[in-house]
Amino acid sequence: MNATVGDRLLVHGNTVGERDRSGVITEVQGVDGAPPYRVQYDDGHTCLVFPGPDAVVLHQ
């Protein structure tokens, strides 16, 4: 998985009733676009994310 600042991260809900979450990647801490990513989610909170198989990077 590779990303650049400004790409969006979409994390699919993995249990019944859990909504998908998405946000903007504001910082890439890995080498050559690799995780972890600092993500500002659409609901306003920011966190460091190590994306799993339920995550997709949407390039600009």
PDB file of N, CA and C in Angstrom:
ATOM      1  N   MET A   1       0.852  -1.168   0.000  1.00  0.00           N
ATOM      2  CA  MET A   1       0.000   0.000   0.000  1.00  0.00           C
ATOM      3  C   MET A   1       0.896   1.227   0.000  1.00  0.00           C
ATOM      4  N   ASN A   2       0.653   2.130  -0.934  1.00  0.00           N
ATOM      5  CA  ASN A   2       1.418   3.367  -1.034  1.00  0.00           C
ATOM      6  C   ASN A   2       0.464   4.546  -1.100  1.00  0.00           C
ATOM      7  N   ALA A   3       0.870   5.645  -0.486  1.00  0.00           N
ATOM      8  CA  ALA A   3       0.033   6.846  -0.475  1.00  0.00           C
ATOM      9  C   ALA A   3       0.915   8.074  -0.450  1.00  0.00           C
ATOM     10  N   THR A   4       0.304   9.208  -0.780  1.00  0.00           N
ATOM     11  CA  THR A   4       0.959  10.499  -0.652  1.00  0.00           C
ATOM     12  C   THR A   4       0.024  11.418   0.111  1.00  0.00           C
ATOM     13  N   VAL A   5       0.583  12.499   0.635  1.00  0.00           N
ATOM     14  CA  VAL A   5      -0.217  13.475   1.360  1.00  0.00           C
ATOM     15  C   VAL A   5      -1.298  14.005   0.424  1.00  0.00           C
ATOM     16  N   GLY A   6      -2.525  14.057   0.920  1.00  0.00           N
ATOM     17  CA  GLY A   6      -3.653  14.521   0.132  1.00  0.00           C
ATOM     18  C   GLY A   6      -4.533  13.399  -0.390  1.00  0.00           C
ATOM     19  N   ASP A   7      -4.001  12.162  -0.428  1.00  0.00           N
ATOM     20  CA  ASP A   7      -4.830  11.019  -0.808  1.00  0.00           C
ATOM     21  C   ASP A   7      -5.856  10.779   0.289  1.00  0.00           C
ATOM     22  N   ARG A   8      -6.900  10.032  -0.053  1.00  0.00           N
ATOM     23  CA  ARG A   8      -7.918   9.688   0.937  1.00  0.00           C
ATOM     24  C   ARG A   8      -7.755   8.231   1.341  1.00  0.00           C
ATOM     25  N   LEU A   9      -8.035   7.952   2.609  1.00  0.00           N
ATOM     26  CA  LEU A   9      -8.022   6.591   3.122  1.00  0.00           C
ATOM     27  C   LEU A   9      -9.458   6.206   3.438  1.00  0.00           C
ATOM     28  N   LEU A  10      -9.919   5.103   2.865  1.00  0.00           N
ATOM     29  CA  LEU A  10     -11.256   4.583   3.116  1.00  0.00           C
ATOM     30  C   LEU A  10     -11.104   3.284   3.884  1.00  0.00           C
ATOM     31  N   VAL A  11     -11.700   3.225   5.063  1.00  0.00           N
ATOM     32  CA  VAL A  11     -11.646   2.023   5.894  1.00  0.00           C
ATOM     33  C   VAL A  11     -13.063   1.459   5.954  1.00  0.00           C
ATOM     34  N   HIS A  12     -13.239   0.274   5.395  1.00  0.00           N
ATOM     35  CA  HIS A  12     -14.551  -0.366   5.365  1.00  0.00           C
ATOM     36  C   HIS A  12     -14.904  -0.898   6.746  1.00  0.00           C
ATOM     37  N   GLY A  13     -16.179  -0.738   7.135  1.00  0.00           N
ATOM     38  CA  GLY A  13     -16.658  -1.313   8.384  1.00  0.00           C
ATOM     39  C   GLY A  13     -16.560  -2.824   8.301  1.00  0.00           C
ATOM     40  N   ASN A  14     -16.053  -3.453   9.346  1.00  0.00           N
ATOM     41  CA  ASN A  14     -15.843  -4.900   9.276  1.00  0.00           C
ATOM     42  C   ASN A  14     -16.810  -5.705  10.133  1.00  0.00           C
ATOM     43  N   THR A  15     -17.807  -5.047  10.723  1.00  0.00           N
ATOM     44  CA  THR A  15     -18.866  -5.752  11.433  1.00  0.00           C
ATOM     45  C   THR A  15     -20.204  -5.210  10.957  1.00  0.00           C
ATOM     46  N   VAL A  16     -21.246  -5.987  11.145  1.00  0.00           N
ATOM     47  CA  VAL A  16     -22.583  -5.591  10.714  1.00  0.00           C
ATOM     48  C   VAL A  16     -22.995  -4.314  11.431  1.00  0.00           C
ATOM     49  N   GLY A  17     -23.439  -3.326  10.663  1.00  0.00           N
ATOM     50  CA  GLY A  17     -23.894  -2.064  11.230  1.00  0.00           C
ATOM     51  C   GLY A  17     -22.811  -1.018  11.393  1.00  0.00           C
ATOM     52  N   GLU A  18     -21.556  -1.392  11.209  1.00  0.00           N
ATOM     53  CA  GLU A  18     -20.465  -0.428  11.332  1.00  0.00           C
ATOM     54  C   GLU A  18     -20.282   0.298  10.003  1.00  0.00           C
ATOM     55  N   ARG A  19     -20.261   1.621  10.065  1.00  0.00           N
ATOM     56  CA  ARG A  19     -20.125   2.431   8.858  1.00  0.00           C
ATOM     57  C   ARG A  19     -18.679   2.473   8.378  1.00  0.00           C
ATOM     58  N   ASP A  20     -18.521   2.736   7.074  1.00  0.00           N
ATOM     59  CA  ASP A  20     -17.192   2.996   6.530  1.00  0.00           C
ATOM     60  C   ASP A  20     -16.712   4.342   7.053  1.00  0.00           C
ATOM     61  N   ARG A  21     -15.394   4.489   7.183  1.00  0.00           N
ATOM     62  CA  ARG A  21     -14.802   5.765   7.604  1.00  0.00           C
ATOM     63  C   ARG A  21     -13.832   6.208   6.527  1.00  0.00           C
ATOM     64  N   SER A  22     -13.772   7.515   6.330  1.00  0.00           N
ATOM     65  CA  SER A  22     -12.813   8.028   5.355  1.00  0.00           C
ATOM     66  C   SER A  22     -12.225   9.335   5.855  1.00  0.00           C
ATOM     67  N   GLY A  23     -11.038   9.621   5.352  1.00  0.00           N
ATOM     68  CA  GLY A  23     -10.358  10.841   5.737  1.00  0.00           C
ATOM     69  C   GLY A  23      -9.191  11.126   4.820  1.00  0.00           C
ATOM     70  N   VAL A  24      -8.580  12.265   5.043  1.00  0.00           N
ATOM     71  CA  VAL A  24      -7.460  12.721   4.227  1.00  0.00           C
ATOM     72  C   VAL A  24      -6.143  12.354   4.910  1.00  0.00           C
ATOM     73  N   ILE A  25      -5.215  11.815   4.148  1.00  0.00           N
ATOM     74  CA  ILE A  25      -3.888  11.501   4.671  1.00  0.00           C
ATOM     75  C   ILE A  25      -3.109  12.809   4.755  1.00  0.00           C
ATOM     76  N   THR A  26      -2.712  13.189   5.963  1.00  0.00           N
ATOM     77  CA  THR A  26      -2.012  14.455   6.176  1.00  0.00           C
ATOM     78  C   THR A  26      -0.514  14.274   6.367  1.00  0.00           C
ATOM     79  N   GLU A  27      -0.080  13.021   6.624  1.00  0.00           N
ATOM     80  CA  GLU A  27       1.343  12.750   6.812  1.00  0.00           C
ATOM     81  C   GLU A  27       1.612  11.280   6.508  1.00  0.00           C
ATOM     82  N   VAL A  28       2.687  11.023   5.761  1.00  0.00           N
ATOM     83  CA  VAL A  28       3.127   9.662   5.469  1.00  0.00           C
ATOM     84  C   VAL A  28       4.424   9.459   6.225  1.00  0.00           C
ATOM     85  N   GLN A  29       4.451   8.503   7.156  1.00  0.00           N
ATOM     86  CA  GLN A  29       5.634   8.312   7.986  1.00  0.00           C
ATOM     87  C   GLN A  29       6.513   7.164   7.523  1.00  0.00           C
ATOM     88  N   GLY A  30       6.013   6.331   6.627  1.00  0.00           N
ATOM     89  CA  GLY A  30       6.805   5.220   6.115  1.00  0.00           C
ATOM     90  C   GLY A  30       7.693   5.651   4.961  1.00  0.00           C
ATOM     91  N   VAL A  31       8.527   4.742   4.524  1.00  0.00           N
ATOM     92  CA  VAL A  31       9.449   4.995   3.420  1.00  0.00           C
ATOM     93  C   VAL A  31       8.722   4.766   2.094  1.00  0.00           C
ATOM     94  N   ASP A  32       8.904   5.680   1.142  1.00  0.00           N
ATOM     95  CA  ASP A  32       8.329   5.564  -0.197  1.00  0.00           C
ATOM     96  C   ASP A  32       6.806   5.386  -0.185  1.00  0.00           C
ATOM     97  N   GLY A  33       6.120   6.111   0.691  1.00  0.00           N
ATOM     98  CA  GLY A  33       4.666   6.083   0.718  1.00  0.00           C
ATOM     99  C   GLY A  33       4.052   4.960   1.517  1.00  0.00           C
ATOM    100  N   ALA A  34       4.866   4.221   2.244  1.00  0.00           N
ATOM    101  CA  ALA A  34       4.365   3.100   3.039  1.00  0.00           C
ATOM    102  C   ALA A  34       3.763   3.598   4.357  1.00  0.00           C
ATOM    103  N   PRO A  35       2.887   2.796   4.983  1.00  0.00           N
ATOM    104  CA  PRO A  35       2.321   3.166   6.281  1.00  0.00           C
ATOM    105  C   PRO A  35       3.400   3.234   7.340  1.00  0.00           C
ATOM    106  N   PRO A  36       3.142   3.871   8.459  1.00  0.00           N
ATOM    107  CA  PRO A  36       1.856   4.396   8.925  1.00  0.00           C
ATOM    108  C   PRO A  36       1.540   5.770   8.344  1.00  0.00           C
ATOM    109  N   TYR A  37       0.226   6.106   8.419  1.00  0.00           N
ATOM    110  CA  TYR A  37      -0.268   7.380   7.921  1.00  0.00           C
ATOM    111  C   TYR A  37      -0.965   8.137   9.043  1.00  0.00           C
ATOM    112  N   ARG A  38      -0.784   9.449   9.057  1.00  0.00           N
ATOM    113  CA  ARG A  38      -1.588  10.291   9.938  1.00  0.00           C
ATOM    114  C   ARG A  38      -2.786  10.716   9.104  1.00  0.00           C
ATOM    115  N   VAL A  39      -3.986  10.436   9.610  1.00  0.00           N
ATOM    116  CA  VAL A  39      -5.209  10.657   8.853  1.00  0.00           C
ATOM    117  C   VAL A  39      -6.142  11.575   9.641  1.00  0.00           C
ATOM    118  N   GLN A  40      -6.681  12.576   8.955  1.00  0.00           N
ATOM    119  CA  GLN A  40      -7.726  13.399   9.547  1.00  0.00           C
ATOM    120  C   GLN A  40      -9.041  12.914   8.955  1.00  0.00           C
ATOM    121  N   TYR A  41      -9.832  12.250   9.808  1.00  0.00           N
ATOM    122  CA  TYR A  41     -11.098  11.684   9.355  1.00  0.00           C
ATOM    123  C   TYR A  41     -12.130  12.786   9.152  1.00  0.00           C
ATOM    124  N   ASP A  42     -13.155  12.459   8.381  1.00  0.00           N
ATOM    125  CA  ASP A  42     -14.199  13.424   8.046  1.00  0.00           C
ATOM    126  C   ASP A  42     -14.946  13.930   9.281  1.00  0.00           C
ATOM    127  N   ASP A  43     -14.945  13.156  10.367  1.00  0.00           N
ATOM    128  CA  ASP A  43     -15.628  13.606  11.589  1.00  0.00           C
ATOM    129  C   ASP A  43     -14.765  14.554  12.424  1.00  0.00           C
ATOM    130  N   GLY A  44     -13.531  14.837  11.941  1.00  0.00           N
ATOM    131  CA  GLY A  44     -12.691  15.831  12.589  1.00  0.00           C
ATOM    132  C   GLY A  44     -11.542  15.296  13.415  1.00  0.00           C
ATOM    133  N   HIS A  45     -11.572  14.032  13.829  1.00  0.00           N
ATOM    134  CA  HIS A  45     -10.457  13.555  14.654  1.00  0.00           C
ATOM    135  C   HIS A  45      -9.303  13.079  13.777  1.00  0.00           C
ATOM    136  N   THR A  46      -8.122  13.128  14.363  1.00  0.00           N
ATOM    137  CA  THR A  46      -6.893  12.759  13.672  1.00  0.00           C
ATOM    138  C   THR A  46      -6.220  11.636  14.443  1.00  0.00           C
ATOM    139  N   CYS A  47      -5.675  10.657  13.709  1.00  0.00           N
ATOM    140  CA  CYS A  47      -4.961   9.570  14.380  1.00  0.00           C
ATOM    141  C   CYS A  47      -3.919   8.968  13.449  1.00  0.00           C
ATOM    142  N   LEU A  48      -3.034   8.185  14.023  1.00  0.00           N
ATOM    143  CA  LEU A  48      -2.010   7.460  13.290  1.00  0.00           C
ATOM    144  C   LEU A  48      -2.598   6.101  12.914  1.00  0.00           C
ATOM    145  N   VAL A  49      -2.531   5.753  11.631  1.00  0.00           N
ATOM    146  CA  VAL A  49      -3.197   4.546  11.144  1.00  0.00           C
ATOM    147  C   VAL A  49      -2.189   3.604  10.502  1.00  0.00           C
ATOM    148  N   PHE A  50      -2.265   2.351  10.896  1.00  0.00           N
ATOM    149  CA  PHE A  50      -1.552   1.258  10.249  1.00  0.00           C
ATOM    150  C   PHE A  50      -2.636   0.458   9.516  1.00  0.00           C
ATOM    151  N   PRO A  51      -2.936   0.800   8.252  1.00  0.00           N
ATOM    152  CA  PRO A  51      -4.094   0.205   7.574  1.00  0.00           C
ATOM    153  C   PRO A  51      -3.985  -1.298   7.418  1.00  0.00           C
ATOM    154  N   GLY A  52      -5.125  -1.943   7.577  1.00  0.00           N
ATOM    155  CA  GLY A  52      -5.214  -3.379   7.395  1.00  0.00           C
ATOM    156  C   GLY A  52      -5.843  -3.718   6.054  1.00  0.00           C
ATOM    157  N   PRO A  53      -6.275  -4.976   5.892  1.00  0.00           N
ATOM    158  CA  PRO A  53      -6.844  -5.407   4.620  1.00  0.00           C
ATOM    159  C   PRO A  53      -8.200  -4.777   4.311  1.00  0.00           C
ATOM    160  N   ASP A  54      -8.821  -4.141   5.291  1.00  0.00           N
ATOM    161  CA  ASP A  54     -10.123  -3.505   5.079  1.00  0.00           C
ATOM    162  C   ASP A  54      -9.985  -2.038   4.653  1.00  0.00           C
ATOM    163  N   ALA A  55      -8.773  -1.574   4.362  1.00  0.00           N
ATOM    164  CA  ALA A  55      -8.523  -0.183   3.996  1.00  0.00           C
ATOM    165  C   ALA A  55      -8.081  -0.062   2.534  1.00  0.00           C
ATOM    166  N   VAL A  56      -8.472   1.058   1.924  1.00  0.00           N
ATOM    167  CA  VAL A  56      -8.137   1.339   0.529  1.00  0.00           C
ATOM    168  C   VAL A  56      -7.655   2.777   0.425  1.00  0.00           C
ATOM    169  N   VAL A  57      -6.567   3.013  -0.305  1.00  0.00           N
ATOM    170  CA  VAL A  57      -6.098   4.361  -0.561  1.00  0.00           C
ATOM    171  C   VAL A  57      -6.704   4.834  -1.876  1.00  0.00           C
ATOM    172  N   LEU A  58      -7.374   5.993  -1.829  1.00  0.00           N
ATOM    173  CA  LEU A  58      -7.955   6.595  -3.025  1.00  0.00           C
ATOM    174  C   LEU A  58      -7.046   7.738  -3.423  1.00  0.00           C
ATOM    175  N   HIS A  59      -6.299   7.549  -4.502  1.00  0.00           N
ATOM    176  CA  HIS A  59      -5.327   8.545  -4.946  1.00  0.00           C
ATOM    177  C   HIS A  59      -6.032   9.749  -5.556  1.00  0.00           C
ATOM    178  N   GLN A  60      -5.413  10.909  -5.423  1.00  0.00           N
ATOM    179  CA  GLN A  60      -5.990  12.137  -5.974  1.00  0.00           C
ATOM    180  C   GLN A  60      -6.128  12.050  -7.466  1.00  0.00           C
TER     181      GLN A  60
END
